[in-house]
C-alpha atoms as a PDB file:
ATOM      1  CA  MET A   1      98.996 134.455 106.055  1.00  0.00           C
ATOM      2  CA  ILE A   2      98.345 133.007 102.607  1.00  0.00           C
ATOM      3  CA  TYR A   3      97.621 129.304 102.186  1.00  0.00           C
ATOM      4  CA  GLU A   4      97.458 127.027  99.162  1.00  0.00           C
ATOM      5  CA  LEU A   5      95.336 123.880  99.257  1.00  0.00           C
ATOM      6  CA  ARG A   6      96.766 121.806  96.422  1.00  0.00           C
ATOM      7  CA  ASN A   7      95.089 118.614  95.223  1.00  0.00           C
ATOM      8  CA  TYR A   8      96.949 116.695  92.507  1.00  0.00           C
ATOM      9  CA  THR A   9      95.530 114.034  90.206  1.00  0.00           C
ATOM     10  CA  LEU A  10      98.112 111.281  89.768  1.00  0.00           C
ATOM     11  CA  HIS A  11      98.646 108.374  87.434  1.00  0.00           C
ATOM     12  CA  PRO A  12      97.265 105.140  88.939  1.00  0.00           C
ATOM     13  CA  GLY A  13      99.629 103.597  91.465  1.00  0.00           C
ATOM     14  CA  GLN A  14     101.923 106.633  91.672  1.00  0.00           C
ATOM     15  CA  ARG A  15     100.825 108.236  94.939  1.00  0.00           C
ATOM     16  CA  ASP A  16     103.326 106.464  97.187  1.00  0.00           C
ATOM     17  CA  THR A  17     106.070 107.199  94.674  1.00  0.00           C
ATOM     18  CA  LEU A  18     105.327 110.899  94.864  1.00  0.00           C
ATOM     19  CA  ILE A  19     104.955 110.881  98.658  1.00  0.00           C
ATOM     20  CA  GLU A  20     108.356 109.264  99.082  1.00  0.00           C
ATOM     21  CA  LEU A  21     109.976 111.820  96.766  1.00  0.00           C
ATOM     22  CA  PHE A  22     108.158 114.733  98.371  1.00  0.00           C
ATOM     23  CA  GLU A  23     109.090 113.769 101.906  1.00  0.00           C
ATOM     24  CA  ARG A  24     112.714 113.107 101.005  1.00  0.00           C
ATOM     25  CA  GLU A  25     113.413 116.113  98.757  1.00  0.00           C
ATOM     26  CA  PHE A  26     110.693 118.772  98.753  1.00  0.00           C
ATOM     27  CA  ILE A  27     109.912 119.564 102.391  1.00  0.00           C
ATOM     28  CA  GLU A  28     113.223 121.012 103.554  1.00  0.00           C
ATOM     29  CA  GLY A  29     113.894 122.354 100.055  1.00  0.00           C
ATOM     30  CA  GLN A  30     110.718 124.435 100.078  1.00  0.00           C
ATOM     31  CA  GLU A  31     111.177 125.554 103.663  1.00  0.00           C
ATOM     32  CA  ALA A  32     114.703 126.765 102.874  1.00  0.00           C
ATOM     33  CA  ALA A  33     113.147 128.975 100.185  1.00  0.00           C
ATOM     34  CA  GLY A  34     110.659 130.490 102.654  1.00  0.00           C
ATOM     35  CA  ILE A  35     107.664 128.191 102.074  1.00  0.00           C
ATOM     36  CA  GLY A  36     105.836 126.685 105.042  1.00  0.00           C
ATOM     37  CA  VAL A  37     104.909 123.066 104.245  1.00  0.00           C
ATOM     38  CA  VAL A  38     101.892 122.469 106.473  1.00  0.00           C
ATOM     39  CA  GLY A  39     100.372 119.076 105.795  1.00  0.00           C
ATOM     40  CA  HIS A  40     100.341 116.330 103.201  1.00  0.00           C
ATOM     41  CA  PHE A  41      97.903 113.473 103.069  1.00  0.00           C
ATOM     42  CA  ARG A  42      96.464 110.359 101.512  1.00  0.00           C
ATOM     43  CA  ASP A  43      92.891 110.929 100.390  1.00  0.00           C
ATOM     44  CA  LEU A  44      91.080 107.915 101.855  1.00  0.00           C
ATOM     45  CA  ASP A  45      88.389 107.978  99.159  1.00  0.00           C
ATOM     46  CA  GLU A  46      90.490 108.786  96.068  1.00  0.00           C
ATOM     47  CA  PRO A  47      93.656 106.662  95.727  1.00  0.00           C
ATOM     48  CA  ASN A  48      94.941 108.725  92.805  1.00  0.00           C
ATOM     49  CA  MET A  49      94.610 112.111  94.524  1.00  0.00           C
ATOM     50  CA  TYR A  50      97.311 113.821  96.581  1.00  0.00           C
ATOM     51  CA  PRO A  51      96.154 116.825  98.684  1.00  0.00           C
ATOM     52  CA  TRP A  52      98.614 118.999 100.563  1.00  0.00           C
ATOM     53  CA  MET A  53      98.928 122.512 101.992  1.00  0.00           C
ATOM     54  CA  ARG A  54     101.627 125.155 102.151  1.00  0.00           C
ATOM     55  CA  LYS A  55     101.695 128.730 103.434  1.00  0.00           C
ATOM     56  CA  PHE A  56     103.394 132.100 103.023  1.00  0.00           C
ATOM     57  CA  PRO A  57     103.464 135.313 105.110  1.00  0.00           C
ATOM     58  CA  ASP A  58     101.877 137.324 102.265  1.00  0.00           C
ATOM     59  CA  MET A  59     101.509 137.413  98.481  1.00  0.00           C
ATOM     60  CA  GLU A  60     104.842 139.111  97.812  1.00  0.00           C
ATOM     61  CA  ALA A  61     106.639 136.591 100.030  1.00  0.00           C
ATOM     62  CA  ARG A  62     104.856 133.877  98.052  1.00  0.00           C
ATOM     63  CA  ARG A  63     106.203 135.243  94.762  1.00  0.00           C
ATOM     64  CA  ALA A  64     109.760 135.432  96.083  1.00  0.00           C
ATOM     65  CA  ALA A  65     109.689 131.975  97.703  1.00  0.00           C
ATOM     66  CA  LEU A  66     108.210 130.205  94.671  1.00  0.00           C
ATOM     67  CA  THR A  67     110.706 131.939  92.391  1.00  0.00           C
ATOM     68  CA  ALA A  68     113.559 130.762  94.593  1.00  0.00           C
ATOM     69  CA  PHE A  69     112.352 127.173  94.875  1.00  0.00           C
ATOM     70  CA  TYR A  70     111.352 126.520  91.259  1.00  0.00           C
ATOM     71  CA  GLY A  71     114.491 128.232  89.995  1.00  0.00           C
ATOM     72  CA  GLY A  72     116.699 126.335  92.436  1.00  0.00           C
ATOM     73  CA  PRO A  73     118.695 123.096  92.294  1.00  0.00           C
ATOM     74  CA  ILE A  74     116.361 120.816  94.282  1.00  0.00           C
ATOM     75  CA  TRP A  75     113.388 121.267  91.983  1.00  0.00           C
ATOM     76  CA  LYS A  76     115.566 121.085  88.857  1.00  0.00           C
ATOM     77  CA  ALA A  77     117.090 117.803  90.016  1.00  0.00           C
ATOM     78  CA  ASN A  78     113.751 116.157  90.868  1.00  0.00           C
ATOM     79  CA  ARG A  79     111.090 117.792  88.670  1.00  0.00           C
ATOM     80  CA  ASP A  80     111.092 115.098  85.984  1.00  0.00           C
ATOM     81  CA  ALA A  81     110.509 112.358  88.537  1.00  0.00           C
ATOM     82  CA  ALA A  82     107.757 114.373  90.233  1.00  0.00           C
ATOM     83  CA  ASN A  83     106.013 115.347  87.003  1.00  0.00           C
ATOM     84  CA  ALA A  84     106.047 111.751  85.793  1.00  0.00           C
ATOM     85  CA  THR A  85     103.627 110.842  88.605  1.00  0.00           C
ATOM     86  CA  MET A  86     101.072 113.546  87.760  1.00  0.00           C
ATOM     87  CA  ILE A  87      98.143 113.985  85.423  1.00  0.00           C
ATOM     88  CA  ASP A  88      96.975 117.378  86.697  1.00  0.00           C
ATOM     89  CA  SER A  89      98.317 119.861  89.255  1.00  0.00           C
ATOM     90  CA  ASP A  90      96.087 122.891  88.644  1.00  0.00           C
ATOM     91  CA  ASN A  91      93.452 122.071  91.284  1.00  0.00           C
ATOM     92  CA  VAL A  92      94.724 124.740  93.679  1.00  0.00           C
ATOM     93  CA  LEU A  93      92.773 126.989  96.047  1.00  0.00           C
ATOM     94  CA  LEU A  94      94.439 130.213  97.185  1.00  0.00           C
ATOM     95  CA  LEU A  95      93.142 130.922 100.691  1.00  0.00           C
ATOM     96  CA  ARG A  96      93.392 133.215 103.698  1.00  0.00           C
ATOM     97  CA  PRO A  97      92.694 132.032 107.274  1.00  0.00           C
ATOM     98  CA  VAL A  98      89.467 133.010 109.027  1.00  0.00           C
ATOM     99  CA  PRO A  99      89.937 132.910 112.822  1.00  0.00           C
ATOM    100  CA  VAL A 100      87.459 130.662 114.597  1.00  0.00           C
ATOM    101  CA  PRO A 101      85.348 132.794 116.968  1.00  0.00           C
ATOM    102  CA  SER A 102      85.940 132.317 120.671  1.00  0.00           C
ATOM    103  CA  ALA A 103      83.796 129.748 122.478  1.00  0.00           C
ATOM    104  CA  ASP A 104      81.850 132.428 124.375  1.00  0.00           C
ATOM    105  CA  VAL A 105      80.026 133.696 121.262  1.00  0.00           C
ATOM    106  CA  PRO A 106      76.385 132.619 121.915  1.00  0.00           C
ATOM    107  CA  HIS A 107      74.617 130.448 119.381  1.00  0.00           C
ATOM    108  CA  GLY A 108      72.663 132.640 116.972  1.00  0.00           C
ATOM    109  CA  SER A 109      74.313 135.916 117.970  1.00  0.00           C
ATOM    110  CA  ALA A 110      76.330 138.026 115.597  1.00  0.00           C
ATOM    111  CA  PRO A 111      80.073 137.458 116.123  1.00  0.00           C
ATOM    112  CA  ARG A 112      82.190 140.399 117.182  1.00  0.00           C
ATOM    113  CA  HIS A 113      84.036 142.050 114.329  1.00  0.00           C
ATOM    114  CA  SER A 114      87.307 141.106 115.992  1.00  0.00           C
ATOM    115  CA  ASP A 115      86.323 137.444 115.899  1.00  0.00           C
ATOM    116  CA  LEU A 116      86.594 137.212 112.127  1.00  0.00           C
ATOM    117  CA  SER A 117      89.174 138.116 109.549  1.00  0.00           C
ATOM    118  CA  ARG A 118      88.460 141.232 107.515  1.00  0.00           C
ATOM    119  CA  GLY A 119      89.671 139.856 104.197  1.00  0.00           C
ATOM    120  CA  THR A 120      87.366 139.859 101.219  1.00  0.00           C
ATOM    121  CA  THR A 121      85.800 136.616 100.069  1.00  0.00           C
ATOM    122  CA  THR A 122      85.555 137.266  96.370  1.00  0.00           C
ATOM    123  CA  SER A 123      87.917 135.507  94.040  1.00  0.00           C
ATOM    124  CA  GLY A 124      89.879 137.015  91.239  1.00  0.00           C
ATOM    125  CA  LEU A 125      92.977 134.964  90.686  1.00  0.00           C
ATOM    126  CA  PRO A 126      93.759 135.262  87.020  1.00  0.00           C
ATOM    127  CA  ARG A 127      95.791 132.695  85.247  1.00  0.00           C
ATOM    128  CA  GLY A 128      98.414 134.118  82.997  1.00  0.00           C
ATOM    129  CA  SER A 129     101.903 134.022  81.696  1.00  0.00           C
ATOM    130  CA  THR A 130     104.974 133.667  83.835  1.00  0.00           C
ATOM    131  CA  PRO A 131     105.628 136.795  85.881  1.00  0.00           C
ATOM    132  CA  ASP A 132     108.735 138.892  85.417  1.00  0.00           C
ATOM    133  CA  LEU A 133     111.345 137.160  87.519  1.00  0.00           C
ATOM    134  CA  PRO A 134     114.738 138.416  88.664  1.00  0.00           C
ATOM    135  CA  SER A 135     117.463 137.847  86.093  1.00  0.00           C
ATOM    136  CA  GLY A 136     118.939 134.378  86.440  1.00  0.00           C
ATOM    137  CA  SER A 137     116.513 133.272  89.098  1.00  0.00           C
ATOM    138  CA  THR A 138     114.230 131.002  87.072  1.00  0.00           C
ATOM    139  CA  PRO A 139     115.972 129.971  83.859  1.00  0.00           C
ATOM    140  CA  ASP A 140     113.493 127.125  83.387  1.00  0.00           C
ATOM    141  CA  LEU A 141     110.312 129.210  83.559  1.00  0.00           C
ATOM    142  CA  PRO A 142     109.501 130.256  80.012  1.00  0.00           C
ATOM    143  CA  SER A 143     106.876 132.950  79.634  1.00  0.00           C
ATOM    144  CA  GLY A 144     103.376 131.536  79.701  1.00  0.00           C
ATOM    145  CA  SER A 145     104.275 128.028  80.811  1.00  0.00           C
ATOM    146  CA  THR A 146     104.934 126.024  83.934  1.00  0.00           C
ATOM    147  CA  PRO A 147     108.606 125.320  84.651  1.00  0.00           C
ATOM    148  CA  ASP A 148     109.394 122.276  82.512  1.00  0.00           C
ATOM    149  CA  LEU A 149     106.151 120.576  83.514  1.00  0.00           C
ATOM    150  CA  PRO A 150     104.036 118.358  81.312  1.00  0.00           C
ATOM    151  CA  THR A 151     100.575 119.743  80.658  1.00  0.00           C
ATOM    152  CA  GLY A 152      98.533 119.565  83.842  1.00  0.00           C
ATOM    153  CA  SER A 153     101.331 118.434  86.141  1.00  0.00           C
ATOM    154  CA  ALA A 154     102.493 120.207  89.261  1.00  0.00           C
ATOM    155  CA  PRO A 155     105.945 121.512  90.107  1.00  0.00           C
ATOM    156  CA  ASP A 156     105.747 121.030  93.833  1.00  0.00           C
ATOM    157  CA  LEU A 157     104.356 117.617  94.561  1.00  0.00           C
ATOM    158  CA  PRO A 158     105.381 115.486  97.481  1.00  0.00           C
ATOM    159  CA  SER A 159     106.568 111.968  96.916  1.00  0.00           C
ATOM    160  CA  GLY A 160     103.533 109.757  96.739  1.00  0.00           C
ATOM    161  CA  SER A 161     100.007 110.211  95.586  1.00  0.00           C
ATOM    162  CA  ALA A 162      96.880 112.010  96.643  1.00  0.00           C
ATOM    163  CA  PRO A 163      97.000 114.123  99.825  1.00  0.00           C
ATOM    164  CA  ASP A 164      94.998 113.284 102.769  1.00  0.00           C
ATOM    165  CA  LEU A 165      93.936 115.608 105.370  1.00  0.00           C
ATOM    166  CA  SER A 166      90.518 116.478 115.643  1.00  0.00           C
ATOM    167  CA  SER A 167      89.465 115.055 119.495  1.00  0.00           C
ATOM    168  CA  GLU A 168      90.336 114.895 123.043  1.00  0.00           C
ATOM    169  CA  SER A 169      93.875 113.559 123.328  1.00  0.00           C
ATOM    170  CA  GLY A 170      95.087 114.005 119.776  1.00  0.00           C
ATOM    171  CA  PRO A 171      98.120 116.122 118.893  1.00  0.00           C
ATOM    172  CA  GLY A 172      96.288 118.301 116.373  1.00  0.00           C
ATOM    173  CA  PRO A 173      96.127 122.091 116.398  1.00  0.00           C
ATOM    174  CA  THR A 174      93.924 123.877 118.905  1.00  0.00           C
ATOM    175  CA  LEU A 175      91.163 126.390 118.247  1.00  0.00           C
ATOM    176  CA  GLN A 176      92.378 129.947 118.096  1.00  0.00           C
ATOM    177  CA  SER A 177      90.793 133.339 117.624  1.00  0.00           C
ATOM    178  CA  SER A 178      92.545 136.511 116.539  1.00  0.00           C
ATOM    179  CA  SER A 179      91.936 139.659 114.561  1.00  0.00           C
ATOM    180  CA  SER A 180      95.569 139.896 113.471  1.00  0.00           C
ATOM    181  CA  SER A 181      96.206 139.814 109.735  1.00  0.00           C
ATOM    182  CA  SER A 182      99.068 137.399 110.460  1.00  0.00           C
ATOM    183  CA  PHE A 183      96.781 134.872 112.187  1.00  0.00           C
ATOM    184  CA  ASP A 184      98.035 131.354 111.453  1.00  0.00           C
ATOM    185  CA  PRO A 185      95.774 128.470 112.511  1.00  0.00           C
ATOM    186  CA  PHE A 186      98.364 125.790 111.714  1.00  0.00           C
ATOM    187  CA  SER A 187     101.385 127.234 113.516  1.00  0.00           C
ATOM    188  CA  GLY A 188     103.465 125.423 116.095  1.00  0.00           C
ATOM    189  CA  THR A 189     103.236 121.944 114.569  1.00  0.00           C
ATOM    190  CA  ALA A 190     106.184 119.529 114.753  1.00  0.00           C
ATOM    191  CA  ARG A 191     107.308 117.436 111.798  1.00  0.00           C
ATOM    192  CA  PRO A 192     108.666 113.890 112.166  1.00  0.00           C
ATOM    193  CA  PRO A 193     112.256 113.454 110.923  1.00  0.00           C
ATOM    194  CA  VAL A 194     113.384 111.939 107.645  1.00  0.00           C
ATOM    195  CA  GLY A 195     112.949 108.177 107.811  1.00  0.00           C
ATOM    196  CA  ALA A 196     109.797 108.263 109.924  1.00  0.00           C
ATOM    197  CA  THR A 197     107.812 105.140 109.093  1.00  0.00           C
ATOM    198  CA  VAL A 198     104.914 104.998 111.553  1.00  0.00           C
ATOM    199  CA  LEU A 199     101.851 106.710 110.131  1.00  0.00           C
ATOM    200  CA  PRO A 200      99.537 108.491 112.572  1.00  0.00           C
ATOM    201  CA  GLU A 201      96.030 107.156 113.007  1.00  0.00           C
ATOM    202  CA  SER A 202      94.462 110.603 113.016  1.00  0.00           C
ATOM    203  CA  LEU A 203      92.078 111.826 110.334  1.00  0.00           C
ATOM    204  CA  TYR A 204      91.522 115.356 109.034  1.00  0.00           C
ATOM    205  CA  VAL A 205      88.258 116.117 107.295  1.00  0.00           C
ATOM    206  CA  ALA A 206      88.199 119.156 105.031  1.00  0.00           C
ATOM    207  CA  MET A 207      84.834 120.556 103.962  1.00  0.00           C
ATOM    208  CA  ILE A 208      84.913 122.772 100.871  1.00  0.00           C
ATOM    209  CA  TYR A 209      81.872 125.012 100.312  1.00  0.00           C
ATOM    210  CA  HIS A 210      81.096 127.285  97.368  1.00  0.00           C
ATOM    211  CA  VAL A 211      79.407 130.197  99.079  1.00  0.00           C
ATOM    212  CA  ASP A 212      77.817 133.616  98.836  1.00  0.00           C
ATOM    213  CA  ASP A 213      78.877 136.871 100.478  1.00  0.00           C
ATOM    214  CA  GLY A 214      78.772 136.925 104.260  1.00  0.00           C
ATOM    215  CA  PHE A 215      79.179 133.169 104.656  1.00  0.00           C
ATOM    216  CA  ALA A 216      82.045 133.449 107.183  1.00  0.00           C
ATOM    217  CA  GLU A 217      79.797 135.389 109.551  1.00  0.00           C
ATOM    218  CA  PHE A 218      76.972 132.873 109.077  1.00  0.00           C
ATOM    219  CA  PHE A 219      79.338 129.963 109.768  1.00  0.00           C
ATOM    220  CA  ALA A 220      80.675 131.605 112.932  1.00  0.00           C
ATOM    221  CA  ARG A 221      77.203 132.461 114.221  1.00  0.00           C
ATOM    222  CA  GLU A 222      75.201 129.374 113.265  1.00  0.00           C
ATOM    223  CA  ALA A 223      77.533 126.484 112.486  1.00  0.00           C
ATOM    224  CA  VAL A 224      80.413 126.706 114.951  1.00  0.00           C
ATOM    225  CA  PRO A 225      78.240 126.377 118.113  1.00  0.00           C
ATOM    226  CA  VAL A 226      76.454 123.338 116.622  1.00  0.00           C
ATOM    227  CA  LEU A 227      79.751 121.705 115.661  1.00  0.00           C
ATOM    228  CA  ARG A 228      81.202 122.330 119.120  1.00  0.00           C
ATOM    229  CA  GLU A 229      78.157 120.841 120.824  1.00  0.00           C
ATOM    230  CA  ALA A 230      78.511 117.754 118.601  1.00  0.00           C
ATOM    231  CA  GLY A 231      82.177 117.363 119.533  1.00  0.00           C
ATOM    232  CA  VAL A 232      83.444 118.310 116.058  1.00  0.00           C
ATOM    233  CA  PRO A 233      84.905 121.796 116.536  1.00  0.00           C
ATOM    234  CA  PRO A 234      86.620 123.360 113.514  1.00  0.00           C
ATOM    235  CA  VAL A 235      90.393 123.440 113.961  1.00  0.00           C
ATOM    236  CA  ALA A 236      90.855 125.903 111.086  1.00  0.00           C
ATOM    237  CA  CYS A 237      88.747 127.903 108.625  1.00  0.00           C
ATOM    238  CA  PHE A 238      89.723 129.590 105.351  1.00  0.00           C
ATOM    239  CA  GLU A 239      88.150 131.675 102.598  1.00  0.00           C
ATOM    240  CA  THR A 240      89.167 132.618  99.066  1.00  0.00           C
ATOM    241  CA  GLU A 241      92.115 134.993  98.837  1.00  0.00           C
ATOM    242  CA  ALA A 242      91.141 137.668  96.316  1.00  0.00           C
ATOM    243  CA  ALA A 243      94.615 138.947  95.451  1.00  0.00           C
ATOM    244  CA  GLU A 244      96.064 138.408  92.004  1.00  0.00           C
ATOM    245  CA  ASN A 245      98.177 135.285  91.602  1.00  0.00           C
ATOM    246  CA  THR A 246     101.735 136.548  92.082  1.00  0.00           C
ATOM    247  CA  PHE A 247     103.292 133.455  90.496  1.00  0.00           C
ATOM    248  CA  PRO A 248     101.234 132.754  87.360  1.00  0.00           C
ATOM    249  CA  ALA A 249     103.577 129.969  86.259  1.00  0.00           C
ATOM    250  CA  LEU A 250     101.590 127.902  88.765  1.00  0.00           C
ATOM    251  CA  PRO A 251      97.861 128.362  88.045  1.00  0.00           C
ATOM    252  CA  VAL A 252      95.216 128.564  90.754  1.00  0.00           C
ATOM    253  CA  ARG A 253      91.447 128.170  90.524  1.00  0.00           C
ATOM    254  CA  THR A 254      89.656 131.387  89.640  1.00  0.00           C
ATOM    255  CA  GLY A 255      86.102 132.698  89.365  1.00  0.00           C
ATOM    256  CA  GLU A 256      84.820 130.998  92.498  1.00  0.00           C
ATOM    257  CA  GLN A 257      84.291 131.910  96.129  1.00  0.00           C
ATOM    258  CA  VAL A 258      84.961 129.154  98.646  1.00  0.00           C
ATOM    259  CA  PHE A 259      84.962 128.567 102.373  1.00  0.00           C
ATOM    260  CA  VAL A 260      87.025 125.652 103.725  1.00  0.00           C
ATOM    261  CA  TRP A 261      87.026 124.286 107.264  1.00  0.00           C
ATOM    262  CA  PHE A 262      88.900 121.419 108.889  1.00  0.00           C
ATOM    263  CA  ALA A 263      87.983 119.021 111.669  1.00  0.00           C
ATOM    264  CA  ARG A 264      90.311 116.501 113.285  1.00  0.00           C
ATOM    265  CA  PHE A 265      89.586 113.048 114.704  1.00  0.00           C
ATOM    266  CA  ASP A 266      91.989 110.895 116.725  1.00  0.00           C
ATOM    267  CA  ARG A 267      91.116 107.869 114.589  1.00  0.00           C
ATOM    268  CA  PRO A 268      89.220 107.399 111.334  1.00  0.00           C
ATOM    269  CA  SER A 269      86.645 105.375 113.265  1.00  0.00           C
ATOM    270  CA  ASP A 270      85.821 108.527 115.291  1.00  0.00           C
ATOM    271  CA  GLU A 271      84.669 110.419 112.205  1.00  0.00           C
ATOM    272  CA  ARG A 272      81.099 111.690 112.196  1.00  0.00           C
ATOM    273  CA  GLU A 273      79.087 114.140 110.155  1.00  0.00           C
ATOM    274  CA  VAL A 274      76.988 116.907 111.687  1.00  0.00           C
ATOM    275  CA  ALA A 275      73.877 118.393 110.078  1.00  0.00           C
ATOM    276  CA  LEU A 276      74.123 122.191 109.989  1.00  0.00           C
ATOM    277  CA  PRO A 277      70.744 123.971 109.901  1.00  0.00           C
ATOM    278  CA  GLY A 278      70.432 126.569 107.170  1.00  0.00           C
ATOM    279  CA  LEU A 279      73.636 125.501 105.424  1.00  0.00           C
ATOM    280  CA  GLU A 280      72.192 124.349 102.100  1.00  0.00           C
ATOM    281  CA  SER A 281      70.529 127.679 101.411  1.00  0.00           C
ATOM    282  CA  ARG A 282      73.913 129.424 101.667  1.00  0.00           C
ATOM    283  CA  LEU A 283      75.782 127.139  99.252  1.00  0.00           C
ATOM    284  CA  THR A 284      75.971 127.700  95.497  1.00  0.00           C
ATOM    285  CA  SER A 285      76.895 124.057  94.735  1.00  0.00           C
ATOM    286  CA  PRO A 286      77.082 120.753  96.642  1.00  0.00           C
ATOM    287  CA  PRO A 287      79.846 120.612  99.274  1.00  0.00           C
ATOM    288  CA  GLN A 288      83.016 118.570  98.837  1.00  0.00           C
ATOM    289  CA  ARG A 289      84.286 116.399 101.696  1.00  0.00           C
ATOM    290  CA  LEU A 290      87.938 115.312 101.802  1.00  0.00           C
ATOM    291  CA  ARG A 291      88.952 112.566 104.246  1.00  0.00           C
ATOM    292  CA  LEU A 292      92.678 113.041 104.753  1.00  0.00           C
ATOM    293  CA  ALA A 293      95.119 110.721 106.500  1.00  0.00           C
ATOM    294  CA  PRO A 294      98.457 112.436 107.286  1.00  0.00           C
ATOM    295  CA  THR A 295     101.559 110.940 105.687  1.00  0.00           C
ATOM    296  CA  ALA A 296     104.613 110.000 107.754  1.00  0.00           C
ATOM    297  CA  ARG A 297     106.241 113.459 107.759  1.00  0.00           C
ATOM    298  CA  SER A 298     103.167 115.676 107.705  1.00  0.00           C
ATOM    299  CA  ALA A 299     103.363 118.456 110.292  1.00  0.00           C
ATOM    300  CA  LEU A 300      99.590 118.150 110.702  1.00  0.00           C
ATOM    301  CA  ARG A 301      99.095 114.823 112.461  1.00  0.00           C
END
C-alpha cells in the first residue's frame, strides 16, 4: 500500500468551508476513481491547517487514480472553490506502512524480519513536470503545473480547513502485524453517511520523526514495548516511500527520510506523552506532533 499524508495551509477562517466541500464532493468522487480516502481531521493546535490521508494499492495505481480524478468532472466542477480556501498544498509525505511487531516481541530484542516491512526508508521523490497522461484524460493538466491550481494550493482538499488526526473501548483500528507487501493498517474502517453532524470525541496523535537508517527496527525493538506498557500502543506506523512520484502534477516532499506513527485516544482528555529512551539520538531534527480530531465523515474515528 502507498499512503499520502497531506497537510494543507489554508486562508484564515476557511477550514470549515473546505471540510464541508470535501465531505460533500471529494470523498465518493475520489473513491470512484480508485483512491482510498482514509481520514480527515481538524488540527487542534493549528486552526488554519487541514491534514488528511489517502491510499493506493501501489504507485502505478496511484498514477491512474489521480489522473482519473483530476481529469474528471467532480474536480473540474469544484476545484476553484477548493483552491480558493488554500495557501499551500505541497506539504505532502509519500509513505509506505510498516507493520507493528506482534506483542510477543520482548523489549530490547531484535524483531523478526517478518515483523517489519522490507521497503527502503530513503526518500527520492522528485518534483517535476506533469507526467505523460492518456490522451483526453487530463485536459486541465498543463505540463509542469498543477491542474488549474493557484500557486501552492492543492487539488484534492476536503471541505473545511486543517486536518486533524486510540484506547480501550474506542472504535479505532487495531494493532496488526504482517509481512505482506499489501499490508494496510487502516483497512476495515466505516465512514459515516453524507449529512453526519455529530463529531466523534476521539483524538489521533501523529508523531513525525526525521530519522536515520534502521530507525524502523529501533522503534519496533525499543519504543513499541514502552508505548504498550504506558497504554499508548501505536495503531499504525509508516516510513518514507522511495519510489519516484508517479503524478508530478501534485508535488510531494523530497530529500528527507521520515518515520510516522499514530496513537489513538477515546477522548482528547485521555492524551498523554511517553518518554522514549534513546529516541533523541536517532532523530535528525526535532519531532513534530499533530493532534488530530476526526471530522464528521472521517473513516478514522
